[in-house]
């Protein structure tokens, strides 16, 4: 099934307003604004008190603070201890993840909402892990970028539920990447619709590029390294079990992906990178990712 140019234009017009899409919960807005201040102006107790107002966010902080993925092996029992253990930067990322967690509509067009969030959080964690491995300049930025890269799927679910459901079923039936199925059914992908939401939310320009170009990093005008990092991590997740609930039936060589050559221009050590070793490391790393996302999103 392939869309026509007229159908594509009709669907894009429906995206223009984005009126159906909810905003980030109001209770999180003050916290997100507060955490944007310089670290020296932030107070642990005030941050703890603000997080405590949202039970879901408080629970996420405790779960993540007790995960080996964040480098903590001693039991964290209180929210204040979690705030200290995680740090202010990571708390901002967790607050953002909690904010978008409830944005999926009740009818998810065939896609399992748990699988979607597992992929999003998994991609964030793999982005950070991969960034550290290749000495990427800003691993914390990599984490948030991985977390938010699929915002466009939320848009498509809200605004184009029937059309997106058809695209998802095509992707699942043929075992192809979701963005390829969207292109055939809708005439555009979640990258294009995600850009509209990222701009509406006034996200930083680097995140807008990640959301809109993570499948085509070679087109990124100013943030090609970050976009490529997210694109590679996204593919690694999809191929190793943190996908959208179905298996992509194709052989892929990570080292031959366009994003690798783009990223290598900024991280020279990637040219001699041991992909086999990274793949081996990710096997055990993915187990921890599954454990964490299970505790966060299946409770």
C-alpha atoms as a PDB file:
ATOM      1  CA  UNK A   1       0.000   0.000   0.000  1.00  0.00           C
ATOM      2  CA  UNK A   2       1.457   3.335  -1.105  1.00  0.00           C
ATOM      3  CA  UNK A   3       0.030   6.769  -0.377  1.00  0.00           C
ATOM      4  CA  UNK A   4      -0.656   9.333  -3.067  1.00  0.00           C
ATOM      5  CA  UNK A   5       0.660  12.898  -3.053  1.00  0.00           C
ATOM      6  CA  UNK A   6      -2.866  14.186  -2.407  1.00  0.00           C
ATOM      7  CA  UNK A   7      -3.327  11.857   0.560  1.00  0.00           C
ATOM      8  CA  UNK A   8       0.023  12.945   1.963  1.00  0.00           C
ATOM      9  CA  UNK A   9      -0.966  16.609   1.778  1.00  0.00           C
ATOM     10  CA  UNK A  10      -4.304  15.872   3.440  1.00  0.00           C
ATOM     11  CA  UNK A  11      -2.606  14.050   6.308  1.00  0.00           C
ATOM     12  CA  UNK A  12      -0.004  16.770   6.761  1.00  0.00           C
ATOM     13  CA  UNK A  13      -2.751  19.388   7.048  1.00  0.00           C
ATOM     14  CA  UNK A  14      -4.255  17.373   9.892  1.00  0.00           C
ATOM     15  CA  UNK A  15      -0.924  17.613  11.691  1.00  0.00           C
ATOM     16  CA  UNK A  16      -0.699  21.405  11.445  1.00  0.00           C
ATOM     17  CA  UNK A  17      -2.711  22.249  14.543  1.00  0.00           C
ATOM     18  CA  UNK A  18      -1.676  19.367  16.807  1.00  0.00           C
ATOM     19  CA  UNK A  19      -4.630  20.336  18.985  1.00  0.00           C
ATOM     20  CA  UNK A  20      -5.301  16.779  20.170  1.00  0.00           C
ATOM     21  CA  UNK A  21      -1.875  16.296  21.748  1.00  0.00           C
ATOM     22  CA  UNK A  22      -1.668  17.002  25.494  1.00  0.00           C
ATOM     23  CA  UNK A  23       1.122  19.036  26.993  1.00  0.00           C
ATOM     24  CA  UNK A  24       3.572  17.991  29.682  1.00  0.00           C
ATOM     25  CA  UNK A  25       1.705  17.682  33.036  1.00  0.00           C
ATOM     26  CA  UNK A  26       1.525  21.041  34.803  1.00  0.00           C
ATOM     27  CA  UNK A  27       2.932  19.623  38.038  1.00  0.00           C
ATOM     28  CA  UNK A  28       6.253  18.916  36.284  1.00  0.00           C
ATOM     29  CA  UNK A  29       6.663  22.298  34.619  1.00  0.00           C
ATOM     30  CA  UNK A  30       7.991  24.135  37.729  1.00  0.00           C
ATOM     31  CA  UNK A  31      10.443  21.298  38.399  1.00  0.00           C
ATOM     32  CA  UNK A  32      11.767  21.306  34.835  1.00  0.00           C
ATOM     33  CA  UNK A  33      12.221  25.088  34.952  1.00  0.00           C
ATOM     34  CA  UNK A  34      13.941  24.876  38.335  1.00  0.00           C
ATOM     35  CA  UNK A  35      16.376  22.175  37.172  1.00  0.00           C
ATOM     36  CA  UNK A  36      17.479  24.375  34.276  1.00  0.00           C
ATOM     37  CA  UNK A  37      19.218  26.698  36.718  1.00  0.00           C
ATOM     38  CA  UNK A  38      23.010  26.443  37.220  1.00  0.00           C
ATOM     39  CA  UNK A  39      23.889  23.559  39.542  1.00  0.00           C
ATOM     40  CA  UNK A  40      25.275  25.873  42.207  1.00  0.00           C
ATOM     41  CA  UNK A  41      21.824  27.489  42.534  1.00  0.00           C
ATOM     42  CA  UNK A  42      19.990  24.197  43.089  1.00  0.00           C
ATOM     43  CA  UNK A  43      19.041  22.855  46.504  1.00  0.00           C
ATOM     44  CA  UNK A  44      18.710  19.141  47.250  1.00  0.00           C
ATOM     45  CA  UNK A  45      15.836  19.478  49.729  1.00  0.00           C
ATOM     46  CA  UNK A  46      13.834  21.844  47.537  1.00  0.00           C
ATOM     47  CA  UNK A  47      14.276  19.468  44.593  1.00  0.00           C
ATOM     48  CA  UNK A  48      13.212  16.535  46.767  1.00  0.00           C
ATOM     49  CA  UNK A  49      10.087  18.377  47.928  1.00  0.00           C
ATOM     50  CA  UNK A  50       9.125  19.253  44.347  1.00  0.00           C
ATOM     51  CA  UNK A  51       9.561  15.675  43.130  1.00  0.00           C
ATOM     52  CA  UNK A  52       7.572  14.335  46.087  1.00  0.00           C
ATOM     53  CA  UNK A  53       4.495  16.152  44.753  1.00  0.00           C
ATOM     54  CA  UNK A  54       4.301  13.648  41.879  1.00  0.00           C
ATOM     55  CA  UNK A  55       4.091  10.034  43.085  1.00  0.00           C
ATOM     56  CA  UNK A  56       4.882   8.589  39.671  1.00  0.00           C
ATOM     57  CA  UNK A  57       8.014  10.710  39.310  1.00  0.00           C
ATOM     58  CA  UNK A  58       9.129   9.914  42.868  1.00  0.00           C
ATOM     59  CA  UNK A  59       8.756   6.186  42.175  1.00  0.00           C
ATOM     60  CA  UNK A  60      10.762   6.469  38.938  1.00  0.00           C
ATOM     61  CA  UNK A  61      13.567   8.284  40.753  1.00  0.00           C
ATOM     62  CA  UNK A  62      13.812   5.576  43.407  1.00  0.00           C
ATOM     63  CA  UNK A  63      13.759   2.788  40.818  1.00  0.00           C
ATOM     64  CA  UNK A  64      16.471   4.383  38.716  1.00  0.00           C
ATOM     65  CA  UNK A  65      18.609   5.277  41.722  1.00  0.00           C
ATOM     66  CA  UNK A  66      18.651   1.574  42.652  1.00  0.00           C
ATOM     67  CA  UNK A  67      19.567   0.381  39.151  1.00  0.00           C
ATOM     68  CA  UNK A  68      23.142  -0.774  38.386  1.00  0.00           C
ATOM     69  CA  UNK A  69      22.756   1.065  35.073  1.00  0.00           C
ATOM     70  CA  UNK A  70      23.253   4.299  36.985  1.00  0.00           C
ATOM     71  CA  UNK A  71      26.274   3.051  38.860  1.00  0.00           C
ATOM     72  CA  UNK A  72      24.719   2.585  42.293  1.00  0.00           C
ATOM     73  CA  UNK A  73      25.097  -0.740  44.078  1.00  0.00           C
ATOM     74  CA  UNK A  74      24.016   0.272  47.586  1.00  0.00           C
ATOM     75  CA  UNK A  75      20.332   0.322  48.450  1.00  0.00           C
ATOM     76  CA  UNK A  76      18.739   3.779  48.136  1.00  0.00           C
ATOM     77  CA  UNK A  77      15.776   3.972  50.512  1.00  0.00           C
ATOM     78  CA  UNK A  78      14.648   7.599  50.523  1.00  0.00           C
ATOM     79  CA  UNK A  79      13.738  10.093  47.837  1.00  0.00           C
ATOM     80  CA  UNK A  80      16.353  12.528  49.145  1.00  0.00           C
ATOM     81  CA  UNK A  81      19.031   9.839  48.801  1.00  0.00           C
ATOM     82  CA  UNK A  82      17.799   9.190  45.259  1.00  0.00           C
ATOM     83  CA  UNK A  83      18.104  12.889  44.387  1.00  0.00           C
ATOM     84  CA  UNK A  84      21.691  12.930  45.661  1.00  0.00           C
ATOM     85  CA  UNK A  85      22.588   9.637  43.954  1.00  0.00           C
ATOM     86  CA  UNK A  86      21.150  10.578  40.568  1.00  0.00           C
ATOM     87  CA  UNK A  87      22.277  14.189  40.376  1.00  0.00           C
ATOM     88  CA  UNK A  88      20.406  17.221  39.063  1.00  0.00           C
ATOM     89  CA  UNK A  89      21.093  16.650  35.357  1.00  0.00           C
ATOM     90  CA  UNK A  90      19.763  13.112  35.430  1.00  0.00           C
ATOM     91  CA  UNK A  91      16.742  14.209  37.463  1.00  0.00           C
ATOM     92  CA  UNK A  92      15.812  16.646  34.697  1.00  0.00           C
ATOM     93  CA  UNK A  93      15.945  13.790  32.182  1.00  0.00           C
ATOM     94  CA  UNK A  94      13.830  11.543  34.415  1.00  0.00           C
ATOM     95  CA  UNK A  95      11.307  14.335  34.942  1.00  0.00           C
ATOM     96  CA  UNK A  96      11.044  14.750  31.188  1.00  0.00           C
ATOM     97  CA  UNK A  97      10.560  11.001  30.699  1.00  0.00           C
ATOM     98  CA  UNK A  98       7.844  10.975  33.346  1.00  0.00           C
ATOM     99  CA  UNK A  99       6.242  13.958  31.670  1.00  0.00           C
ATOM    100  CA  UNK A 100       5.919  12.244  28.297  1.00  0.00           C
ATOM    101  CA  UNK A 101       5.064   8.842  29.769  1.00  0.00           C
ATOM    102  CA  UNK A 102       1.351   9.622  29.919  1.00  0.00           C
ATOM    103  CA  UNK A 103       1.104  11.274  26.513  1.00  0.00           C
ATOM    104  CA  UNK A 104       0.173   8.150  24.570  1.00  0.00           C
ATOM    105  CA  UNK A 105      -3.550   7.941  23.765  1.00  0.00           C
ATOM    106  CA  UNK A 106      -5.618   5.061  25.120  1.00  0.00           C
ATOM    107  CA  UNK A 107      -5.897   3.519  21.659  1.00  0.00           C
ATOM    108  CA  UNK A 108      -2.323   2.984  20.506  1.00  0.00           C
ATOM    109  CA  UNK A 109      -3.040   1.758  16.997  1.00  0.00           C
ATOM    110  CA  UNK A 110      -1.630  -1.706  17.520  1.00  0.00           C
ATOM    111  CA  UNK A 111       1.657  -0.636  19.085  1.00  0.00           C
ATOM    112  CA  UNK A 112       2.184  -1.811  22.660  1.00  0.00           C
ATOM    113  CA  UNK A 113       2.693   1.317  24.801  1.00  0.00           C
ATOM    114  CA  UNK A 114       5.017  -0.601  27.136  1.00  0.00           C
ATOM    115  CA  UNK A 115       7.153  -1.685  24.173  1.00  0.00           C
ATOM    116  CA  UNK A 116       7.255   1.914  22.965  1.00  0.00           C
ATOM    117  CA  UNK A 117       8.522   3.226  26.298  1.00  0.00           C
ATOM    118  CA  UNK A 118      10.925   0.330  26.682  1.00  0.00           C
ATOM    119  CA  UNK A 119      12.421   1.288  23.347  1.00  0.00           C
ATOM    120  CA  UNK A 120      12.573   4.994  24.230  1.00  0.00           C
ATOM    121  CA  UNK A 121      14.201   4.527  27.628  1.00  0.00           C
ATOM    122  CA  UNK A 122      16.393   1.721  26.297  1.00  0.00           C
ATOM    123  CA  UNK A 123      17.603   3.971  23.494  1.00  0.00           C
ATOM    124  CA  UNK A 124      18.415   6.703  26.014  1.00  0.00           C
ATOM    125  CA  UNK A 125      20.513   4.316  28.092  1.00  0.00           C
ATOM    126  CA  UNK A 126      22.282   2.813  25.078  1.00  0.00           C
ATOM    127  CA  UNK A 127      22.990   6.322  23.745  1.00  0.00           C
ATOM    128  CA  UNK A 128      24.707   7.193  27.002  1.00  0.00           C
ATOM    129  CA  UNK A 129      26.657   3.909  27.093  1.00  0.00           C
ATOM    130  CA  UNK A 130      27.763   4.243  23.467  1.00  0.00           C
ATOM    131  CA  UNK A 131      28.651   7.929  23.942  1.00  0.00           C
ATOM    132  CA  UNK A 132      30.961   7.088  26.846  1.00  0.00           C
ATOM    133  CA  UNK A 133      32.604   4.307  24.815  1.00  0.00           C
ATOM    134  CA  UNK A 134      33.561   6.632  21.960  1.00  0.00           C
ATOM    135  CA  UNK A 135      34.389   9.687  24.125  1.00  0.00           C
ATOM    136  CA  UNK A 136      31.419  11.657  22.837  1.00  0.00           C
ATOM    137  CA  UNK A 137      31.486  15.227  24.124  1.00  0.00           C
ATOM    138  CA  UNK A 138      28.177  15.265  26.028  1.00  0.00           C
ATOM    139  CA  UNK A 139      26.846  11.864  27.220  1.00  0.00           C
ATOM    140  CA  UNK A 140      24.042  13.498  29.230  1.00  0.00           C
ATOM    141  CA  UNK A 141      22.756  15.219  26.091  1.00  0.00           C
ATOM    142  CA  UNK A 142      22.925  11.851  24.348  1.00  0.00           C
ATOM    143  CA  UNK A 143      20.662  10.330  27.006  1.00  0.00           C
ATOM    144  CA  UNK A 144      17.904  12.933  26.662  1.00  0.00           C
ATOM    145  CA  UNK A 145      18.127  12.807  22.868  1.00  0.00           C
ATOM    146  CA  UNK A 146      17.671   9.046  22.876  1.00  0.00           C
ATOM    147  CA  UNK A 147      14.724   9.350  25.216  1.00  0.00           C
ATOM    148  CA  UNK A 148      12.836  11.836  23.044  1.00  0.00           C
ATOM    149  CA  UNK A 149      13.825  10.714  19.541  1.00  0.00           C
ATOM    150  CA  UNK A 150      10.457   9.057  18.771  1.00  0.00           C
ATOM    151  CA  UNK A 151       8.144  11.925  19.749  1.00  0.00           C
ATOM    152  CA  UNK A 152       6.665  11.748  16.261  1.00  0.00           C
ATOM    153  CA  UNK A 153       5.088   8.372  16.990  1.00  0.00           C
ATOM    154  CA  UNK A 154       3.062  10.054  19.746  1.00  0.00           C
ATOM    155  CA  UNK A 155       1.931  12.664  17.230  1.00  0.00           C
ATOM    156  CA  UNK A 156       0.886  10.061  14.663  1.00  0.00           C
ATOM    157  CA  UNK A 157      -1.037   8.080  17.268  1.00  0.00           C
ATOM    158  CA  UNK A 158      -3.034  11.139  18.324  1.00  0.00           C
ATOM    159  CA  UNK A 159      -3.650  12.818  14.990  1.00  0.00           C
ATOM    160  CA  UNK A 160      -3.579   9.924  12.491  1.00  0.00           C
ATOM    161  CA  UNK A 161      -4.609   6.862  14.525  1.00  0.00           C
ATOM    162  CA  UNK A 162      -6.133   4.793  11.706  1.00  0.00           C
ATOM    163  CA  UNK A 163      -3.419   5.597   9.186  1.00  0.00           C
ATOM    164  CA  UNK A 164      -0.669   4.936  11.709  1.00  0.00           C
ATOM    165  CA  UNK A 165      -2.300   1.627  12.676  1.00  0.00           C
ATOM    166  CA  UNK A 166      -2.165   0.612   9.023  1.00  0.00           C
ATOM    167  CA  UNK A 167       1.508   1.553   8.835  1.00  0.00           C
ATOM    168  CA  UNK A 168       2.304  -0.356  12.001  1.00  0.00           C
ATOM    169  CA  UNK A 169       0.527  -3.478  10.744  1.00  0.00           C
ATOM    170  CA  UNK A 170       2.451  -3.256   7.469  1.00  0.00           C
ATOM    171  CA  UNK A 171       5.748  -2.945   9.335  1.00  0.00           C
ATOM    172  CA  UNK A 172       4.920  -5.919  11.539  1.00  0.00           C
ATOM    173  CA  UNK A 173       3.644  -8.079   8.651  1.00  0.00           C
ATOM    174  CA  UNK A 174       6.703  -7.468   6.465  1.00  0.00           C
ATOM    175  CA  UNK A 175       9.268  -7.160   9.263  1.00  0.00           C
ATOM    176  CA  UNK A 176      10.450  -3.771   8.032  1.00  0.00           C
ATOM    177  CA  UNK A 177      11.477  -0.635   9.956  1.00  0.00           C
ATOM    178  CA  UNK A 178       8.489   1.393  11.116  1.00  0.00           C
ATOM    179  CA  UNK A 179       9.638   4.563   9.377  1.00  0.00           C
ATOM    180  CA  UNK A 180       9.739   2.740   6.028  1.00  0.00           C
ATOM    181  CA  UNK A 181       6.160   1.538   6.531  1.00  0.00           C
ATOM    182  CA  UNK A 182       5.060   5.051   7.503  1.00  0.00           C
ATOM    183  CA  UNK A 183       6.599   6.442   4.329  1.00  0.00           C
ATOM    184  CA  UNK A 184       4.656   3.958   2.228  1.00  0.00           C
ATOM    185  CA  UNK A 185       1.325   4.441   4.016  1.00  0.00           C
ATOM    186  CA  UNK A 186       1.424   8.084   5.116  1.00  0.00           C
ATOM    187  CA  UNK A 187       3.888   9.594   2.686  1.00  0.00           C
ATOM    188  CA  UNK A 188       6.042  10.820   5.597  1.00  0.00           C
ATOM    189  CA  UNK A 189       7.471   9.402   8.830  1.00  0.00           C
ATOM    190  CA  UNK A 190       7.349  10.083  12.549  1.00  0.00           C
ATOM    191  CA  UNK A 191      10.483  12.189  12.011  1.00  0.00           C
ATOM    192  CA  UNK A 192       8.480  14.836  10.166  1.00  0.00           C
ATOM    193  CA  UNK A 193       5.547  14.832  12.575  1.00  0.00           C
ATOM    194  CA  UNK A 194       7.938  14.730  15.539  1.00  0.00           C
ATOM    195  CA  UNK A 195       9.609  17.902  14.344  1.00  0.00           C
ATOM    196  CA  UNK A 196       6.264  19.707  14.563  1.00  0.00           C
ATOM    197  CA  UNK A 197       5.787  18.679  18.194  1.00  0.00           C
ATOM    198  CA  UNK A 198       9.410  19.407  19.152  1.00  0.00           C
ATOM    199  CA  UNK A 199       9.064  22.915  17.733  1.00  0.00           C
ATOM    200  CA  UNK A 200       5.690  23.397  19.446  1.00  0.00           C
ATOM    201  CA  UNK A 201       7.259  22.433  22.765  1.00  0.00           C
ATOM    202  CA  UNK A 202      10.117  24.840  22.014  1.00  0.00           C
ATOM    203  CA  UNK A 203      12.744  22.136  22.504  1.00  0.00           C
ATOM    204  CA  UNK A 204      16.390  23.139  21.926  1.00  0.00           C
ATOM    205  CA  UNK A 205      17.505  23.104  18.264  1.00  0.00           C
ATOM    206  CA  UNK A 206      19.782  20.096  18.791  1.00  0.00           C
ATOM    207  CA  UNK A 207      16.867  17.992  20.054  1.00  0.00           C
ATOM    208  CA  UNK A 208      14.689  19.160  17.164  1.00  0.00           C
ATOM    209  CA  UNK A 209      17.327  17.856  14.754  1.00  0.00           C
ATOM    210  CA  UNK A 210      17.505  14.523  16.585  1.00  0.00           C
ATOM    211  CA  UNK A 211      13.733  14.079  16.490  1.00  0.00           C
ATOM    212  CA  UNK A 212      13.453  15.013  12.825  1.00  0.00           C
ATOM    213  CA  UNK A 213      16.604  13.446  11.347  1.00  0.00           C
ATOM    214  CA  UNK A 214      17.648  10.403  13.421  1.00  0.00           C
ATOM    215  CA  UNK A 215      16.992   8.098  10.436  1.00  0.00           C
ATOM    216  CA  UNK A 216      18.906  10.392   8.057  1.00  0.00           C
ATOM    217  CA  UNK A 217      21.839  11.816  10.073  1.00  0.00           C
ATOM    218  CA  UNK A 218      23.711  12.746   6.902  1.00  0.00           C
ATOM    219  CA  UNK A 219      21.097  15.505   6.406  1.00  0.00           C
ATOM    220  CA  UNK A 220      21.710  17.094   9.812  1.00  0.00           C
ATOM    221  CA  UNK A 221      23.036  20.641   9.260  1.00  0.00           C
ATOM    222  CA  UNK A 222      24.492  21.435  12.702  1.00  0.00           C
ATOM    223  CA  UNK A 223      24.171  18.410  15.030  1.00  0.00           C
ATOM    224  CA  UNK A 224      25.204  15.517  12.800  1.00  0.00           C
ATOM    225  CA  UNK A 225      27.294  13.762  15.471  1.00  0.00           C
ATOM    226  CA  UNK A 226      24.489  13.741  18.047  1.00  0.00           C
ATOM    227  CA  UNK A 227      21.879  12.771  15.445  1.00  0.00           C
ATOM    228  CA  UNK A 228      24.064   9.938  14.160  1.00  0.00           C
ATOM    229  CA  UNK A 229      24.752   8.704  17.692  1.00  0.00           C
ATOM    230  CA  UNK A 230      21.018   8.465  18.361  1.00  0.00           C
ATOM    231  CA  UNK A 231      20.325   6.829  15.005  1.00  0.00           C
ATOM    232  CA  UNK A 232      22.914   4.110  15.597  1.00  0.00           C
ATOM    233  CA  UNK A 233      21.713   3.510  19.160  1.00  0.00           C
ATOM    234  CA  UNK A 234      18.114   3.343  17.945  1.00  0.00           C
ATOM    235  CA  UNK A 235      19.091   0.652  15.424  1.00  0.00           C
ATOM    236  CA  UNK A 236      21.083  -1.299  18.029  1.00  0.00           C
ATOM    237  CA  UNK A 237      18.038  -1.346  20.302  1.00  0.00           C
ATOM    238  CA  UNK A 238      15.651  -2.424  17.549  1.00  0.00           C
ATOM    239  CA  UNK A 239      17.923  -5.273  16.538  1.00  0.00           C
ATOM    240  CA  UNK A 240      18.556  -6.509  20.076  1.00  0.00           C
ATOM    241  CA  UNK A 241      15.089  -6.820  21.542  1.00  0.00           C
ATOM    242  CA  UNK A 242      14.216  -3.260  22.566  1.00  0.00           C
ATOM    243  CA  UNK A 243      11.988  -2.657  19.572  1.00  0.00           C
ATOM    244  CA  UNK A 244       8.329  -1.779  18.974  1.00  0.00           C
ATOM    245  CA  UNK A 245       7.082  -5.274  19.716  1.00  0.00           C
ATOM    246  CA  UNK A 246       8.018  -6.990  16.453  1.00  0.00           C
ATOM    247  CA  UNK A 247      11.214  -8.246  14.820  1.00  0.00           C
ATOM    248  CA  UNK A 248      12.733  -6.551  11.779  1.00  0.00           C
ATOM    249  CA  UNK A 249      13.537  -9.315   9.299  1.00  0.00           C
ATOM    250  CA  UNK A 250      16.760  -8.110   7.733  1.00  0.00           C
ATOM    251  CA  UNK A 251      20.485  -8.505   8.092  1.00  0.00           C
ATOM    252  CA  UNK A 252      22.189  -5.274   9.110  1.00  0.00           C
ATOM    253  CA  UNK A 253      25.870  -4.433   9.387  1.00  0.00           C
ATOM    254  CA  UNK A 254      26.174  -1.645  11.925  1.00  0.00           C
ATOM    255  CA  UNK A 255      29.600  -0.578  10.698  1.00  0.00           C
ATOM    256  CA  UNK A 256      28.232   0.086   7.218  1.00  0.00           C
ATOM    257  CA  UNK A 257      25.406   2.375   8.335  1.00  0.00           C
ATOM    258  CA  UNK A 258      25.559   5.996   7.039  1.00  0.00           C
ATOM    259  CA  UNK A 259      25.483   7.309  10.583  1.00  0.00           C
ATOM    260  CA  UNK A 260      28.759   5.582  11.406  1.00  0.00           C
ATOM    261  CA  UNK A 261      30.753   7.520   8.821  1.00  0.00           C
ATOM    262  CA  UNK A 262      29.024  10.731   9.946  1.00  0.00           C
ATOM    263  CA  UNK A 263      29.860  10.081  13.602  1.00  0.00           C
ATOM    264  CA  UNK A 264      33.438   9.049  12.798  1.00  0.00           C
ATOM    265  CA  UNK A 265      34.118  12.573  11.532  1.00  0.00           C
ATOM    266  CA  UNK A 266      33.580  13.822  15.087  1.00  0.00           C
ATOM    267  CA  UNK A 267      34.829  10.798  17.052  1.00  0.00           C
ATOM    268  CA  UNK A 268      37.961   9.543  15.258  1.00  0.00           C
ATOM    269  CA  UNK A 269      38.353   6.460  17.464  1.00  0.00           C
ATOM    270  CA  UNK A 270      35.155   5.132  15.908  1.00  0.00           C
ATOM    271  CA  UNK A 271      37.131   4.287  12.752  1.00  0.00           C
ATOM    272  CA  UNK A 272      38.828   1.411  14.573  1.00  0.00           C
ATOM    273  CA  UNK A 273      35.926   0.680  16.872  1.00  0.00           C
ATOM    274  CA  UNK A 274      35.315  -2.914  17.949  1.00  0.00           C
ATOM    275  CA  UNK A 275      31.657  -3.383  17.025  1.00  0.00           C
ATOM    276  CA  UNK A 276      31.740  -7.077  17.944  1.00  0.00           C
ATOM    277  CA  UNK A 277      32.859  -6.199  21.462  1.00  0.00           C
ATOM    278  CA  UNK A 278      30.146  -3.544  21.812  1.00  0.00           C
ATOM    279  CA  UNK A 279      27.536  -6.033  20.639  1.00  0.00           C
ATOM    280  CA  UNK A 280      28.782  -8.538  23.207  1.00  0.00           C
ATOM    281  CA  UNK A 281      28.683  -5.909  25.967  1.00  0.00           C
ATOM    282  CA  UNK A 282      25.178  -4.883  24.998  1.00  0.00           C
ATOM    283  CA  UNK A 283      23.892  -8.430  25.497  1.00  0.00           C
ATOM    284  CA  UNK A 284      24.370  -8.163  29.254  1.00  0.00           C
ATOM    285  CA  UNK A 285      23.635  -4.431  29.237  1.00  0.00           C
ATOM    286  CA  UNK A 286      20.287  -5.051  27.555  1.00  0.00           C
ATOM    287  CA  UNK A 287      19.331  -7.426  30.366  1.00  0.00           C
ATOM    288  CA  UNK A 288      19.747  -4.568  32.831  1.00  0.00           C
ATOM    289  CA  UNK A 289      17.837  -2.230  30.528  1.00  0.00           C
ATOM    290  CA  UNK A 290      14.941  -4.693  30.328  1.00  0.00           C
ATOM    291  CA  UNK A 291      14.939  -5.035  34.120  1.00  0.00           C
ATOM    292  CA  UNK A 292      14.831  -1.273  34.618  1.00  0.00           C
ATOM    293  CA  UNK A 293      12.162  -0.504  32.041  1.00  0.00           C
ATOM    294  CA  UNK A 294      10.115  -3.407  33.355  1.00  0.00           C
ATOM    295  CA  UNK A 295      10.157  -1.903  36.854  1.00  0.00           C
ATOM    296  CA  UNK A 296       9.395   1.610  35.569  1.00  0.00           C
ATOM    297  CA  UNK A 297       6.732   0.890  32.963  1.00  0.00           C
ATOM    298  CA  UNK A 298       5.106  -2.357  34.021  1.00  0.00           C
ATOM    299  CA  UNK A 299       4.254  -1.451  37.619  1.00  0.00           C
END
